[in-house]
Protein backbone atom coordinates (compact mmCIF):
# COMPACT_ATOMS: atom_id res chain seq x y z
CA MET A 1 5.45 -15.61 11.45
CA GLN A 2 3.81 -13.92 14.42
CA PRO A 3 1.18 -11.27 13.51
CA ILE A 4 1.75 -7.74 14.71
CA VAL A 5 -0.85 -5.94 16.79
CA PRO A 6 -2.66 -3.49 14.51
CA GLY A 7 -2.40 0.14 15.52
CA SER A 8 -4.94 2.91 15.36
CA ASP A 9 -5.81 4.62 12.09
CA TRP A 10 -2.78 6.62 10.86
CA GLU A 11 -0.41 5.08 13.42
CA PRO A 12 2.88 4.14 11.70
CA LEU A 13 3.74 0.48 11.23
CA PRO A 14 6.76 -0.60 13.28
CA HIS A 15 10.19 -0.30 11.69
CA GLY A 16 11.45 -3.35 9.84
CA GLU A 17 8.02 -4.61 8.75
CA TRP A 18 7.12 -5.60 5.19
CA VAL A 19 3.98 -4.80 3.22
CA VAL A 20 2.40 -6.27 0.10
CA ARG A 21 0.67 -4.42 -2.72
CA LEU A 22 -1.41 -6.43 -5.19
CA ALA A 23 -0.94 -5.52 -8.84
CA ILE A 24 -1.98 -6.28 -12.37
CA ALA A 25 0.68 -7.88 -14.58
CA SER A 26 2.38 -5.53 -17.04
CA LYS A 27 5.14 -5.75 -19.63
CA ASP A 28 7.57 -4.85 -16.81
CA SER A 29 6.53 -7.86 -14.72
CA ALA A 30 7.63 -10.25 -17.48
CA SER A 31 11.20 -9.17 -16.65
CA GLY A 32 10.62 -9.56 -12.91
CA ARG A 33 10.23 -5.84 -12.31
CA ALA A 34 7.21 -4.07 -10.88
CA SER A 35 5.57 -1.38 -12.96
CA PRO A 36 5.38 2.16 -11.55
CA ALA A 37 1.71 2.06 -12.58
CA ALA A 38 1.15 -0.49 -9.79
CA PHE A 39 1.72 2.35 -7.33
CA GLN A 40 -0.89 4.66 -8.83
CA LEU A 41 -3.66 5.28 -6.31
CA SER A 42 -6.94 3.55 -7.10
CA THR A 43 -10.25 5.39 -7.19
CA GLU A 44 -10.95 4.01 -3.70
CA ASP A 45 -7.52 5.12 -2.45
CA GLU A 46 -8.11 8.64 -3.74
CA LYS A 47 -11.42 8.91 -1.87
CA GLU A 48 -9.52 8.91 1.43
CA ASN A 49 -8.78 12.27 3.01
CA PRO A 50 -5.82 12.46 2.64
CA PRO A 51 -5.32 9.66 0.11
CA ARG A 52 -3.34 6.51 0.96
CA LEU A 53 -2.09 3.74 -1.33
CA SER A 54 -3.63 0.47 -0.09
CA VAL A 55 -1.06 -2.09 1.10
CA TRP A 56 -1.14 -5.01 3.53
CA ALA A 57 1.09 -5.83 6.52
CA GLU A 58 2.74 -9.09 5.53
CA LYS A 59 2.66 -10.59 9.04
CA ASN A 60 -1.13 -10.14 9.26
CA THR A 61 -2.31 -10.71 5.70
CA THR A 62 -1.19 -13.22 3.11
CA PRO A 63 -1.30 -12.14 -0.53
CA ASN A 64 -4.17 -14.59 -1.09
CA GLN A 65 -6.15 -13.12 1.83
CA ALA A 66 -5.55 -9.62 0.41
CA TRP A 67 -6.77 -10.80 -2.99
CA ILE A 68 -9.98 -12.15 -1.42
CA LEU A 69 -10.49 -8.98 0.63
CA MET A 70 -10.10 -6.94 -2.56
CA GLY A 71 -12.89 -8.86 -4.27
CA SER A 72 -10.98 -11.76 -5.90
CA LYS A 73 -10.38 -9.84 -9.12
CA PRO A 74 -8.53 -12.20 -11.52
CA GLU A 75 -6.53 -9.38 -13.12
CA TYR A 76 -4.65 -8.89 -9.84
CA CYS A 77 -2.10 -11.66 -10.23
CA LEU A 78 1.04 -10.17 -8.68
CA ALA A 79 2.09 -9.45 -5.11
CA LEU A 80 4.68 -6.70 -4.70
CA ARG A 81 6.61 -6.95 -1.46
CA LEU A 82 8.25 -3.83 0.04
CA GLU A 83 10.11 -3.03 3.26
CA THR A 84 8.54 -0.16 5.21
CA ASP A 85 11.89 1.40 6.14
CA LYS A 86 12.88 1.61 2.47
CA ILE A 87 9.52 3.16 1.59
CA ARG A 88 10.08 5.80 4.26
CA SER A 89 13.57 6.57 2.94
CA ILE A 90 12.72 7.56 -0.64
CA VAL A 91 12.54 11.17 -1.75
CA PRO A 92 11.16 12.58 -4.98
CA ASP A 93 13.37 13.71 -7.82
CA PRO A 94 13.83 16.61 -8.11
CA ILE A 95 14.24 17.10 -4.38
CA GLN A 96 12.32 19.97 -2.90
CA PRO A 97 12.33 21.22 0.70
CA MET A 98 9.19 20.81 2.78
CA ILE A 99 8.00 17.58 1.14
CA LYS A 100 6.88 15.13 3.78
CA PRO A 101 8.43 11.68 3.49
CA LEU A 102 6.29 8.70 2.57
CA ASP A 103 5.03 6.67 5.49
CA VAL A 104 3.27 3.35 5.99
CA VAL A 105 0.39 3.64 8.44
CA TRP A 106 -2.42 1.48 9.73
CA HIS A 107 -5.70 1.82 7.86
CA PRO A 108 -8.25 -0.47 9.55
CA LEU A 109 -11.02 -2.00 7.48
CA PHE A 110 -14.56 -1.68 8.78
CA GLN A 111 -17.82 -3.18 7.66
CA ASN A 112 -21.40 -2.10 8.22
CA ASN A 113 -23.02 -4.41 10.77
CA GLY A 114 -26.57 -3.81 9.47
CA THR A 115 -27.54 -1.31 12.18
CA GLY A 116 -25.98 1.71 10.52
CA GLN A 117 -22.88 1.28 12.66
CA SER A 118 -19.57 -0.11 11.51
CA SER A 119 -17.29 -2.55 13.25
CA PRO A 120 -13.82 -3.93 12.52
CA ASP A 121 -13.82 -6.32 9.55
CA PRO A 122 -13.55 -9.86 11.04
CA ARG A 123 -12.46 -11.62 7.83
CA PRO A 124 -9.08 -13.38 7.80
CA GLY A 125 -6.31 -10.96 6.93
CA ALA A 126 -8.39 -7.80 7.37
CA SER A 127 -6.32 -6.76 10.40
CA GLY A 128 -3.32 -6.18 8.13
CA HIS A 129 -4.76 -3.39 6.00
CA THR A 130 -2.41 -0.41 5.87
CA GLY A 131 -1.74 2.52 3.61
CA THR A 132 1.23 4.36 2.19
CA SER A 133 0.74 8.07 2.75
CA GLY A 134 2.41 10.96 0.98
CA LEU A 135 2.01 9.91 -2.64
CA LYS A 136 -0.85 12.29 -3.39
CA ASP A 137 -1.78 14.39 -0.41
CA GLY A 138 -0.68 17.83 -1.50
CA SER A 139 2.84 17.57 -0.07
CA VAL A 140 4.26 16.36 -3.40
CA PRO A 141 3.53 19.37 -5.56
CA ASN A 142 4.07 18.14 -9.08
CA LYS A 143 3.46 15.24 -11.43
CA ILE A 144 7.16 14.62 -12.12
CA GLN A 145 7.90 14.13 -8.44
CA ARG A 146 4.91 11.80 -7.93
CA LYS A 147 6.07 9.75 -10.93
CA SER A 148 9.58 9.62 -9.40
CA LEU A 149 8.17 8.23 -6.15
CA ARG A 150 6.16 5.55 -7.99
CA SER A 151 9.25 4.56 -10.02
CA GLN A 152 11.35 4.23 -6.89
CA LEU A 153 8.68 2.06 -5.25
CA ALA A 154 8.62 -0.14 -8.35
CA ASP A 155 12.41 -0.45 -8.30
CA MET A 156 12.48 -1.65 -4.69
CA ALA A 157 9.53 -4.06 -4.92
CA GLU A 158 10.05 -7.81 -4.90
CA VAL A 159 7.65 -9.28 -7.48
CA MET A 160 5.84 -12.56 -6.72
CA ASP A 161 3.09 -14.38 -8.61
CA LEU A 162 -0.18 -14.78 -6.73
């Protein structure tokens, strides 16, 4: 699989690409289904302005590389695989005009180089860091609709053990 050239921050991933979200096992995963809770933004995700759900471009980052980049936390034992075009096609229920669709955009990782400046993270797989925007940025006005989006993401995810 040939890696894709990472875009600038907030640039959309090309159509037809796949992303991976790491998740903690739940009672849903025993049946081969992802849990909607896996698509809840983390504390780190929510610090972004606007927030983005952290995911990884499959052609640039293996699930194991993503796990290492996330700090090798043993509780993260599932990889949830999703197609970007399907992510972009979902709408919240109930439907409401003026809600921006979800998108999958580049979200480069940087690290401090010791001089107070940051540079692109050189670790293997870091070039594949992306984010799903629109889950909690003010365009989805209520909790029911946000829950609907997370449920739809869970329904479309392919679940794999790490």
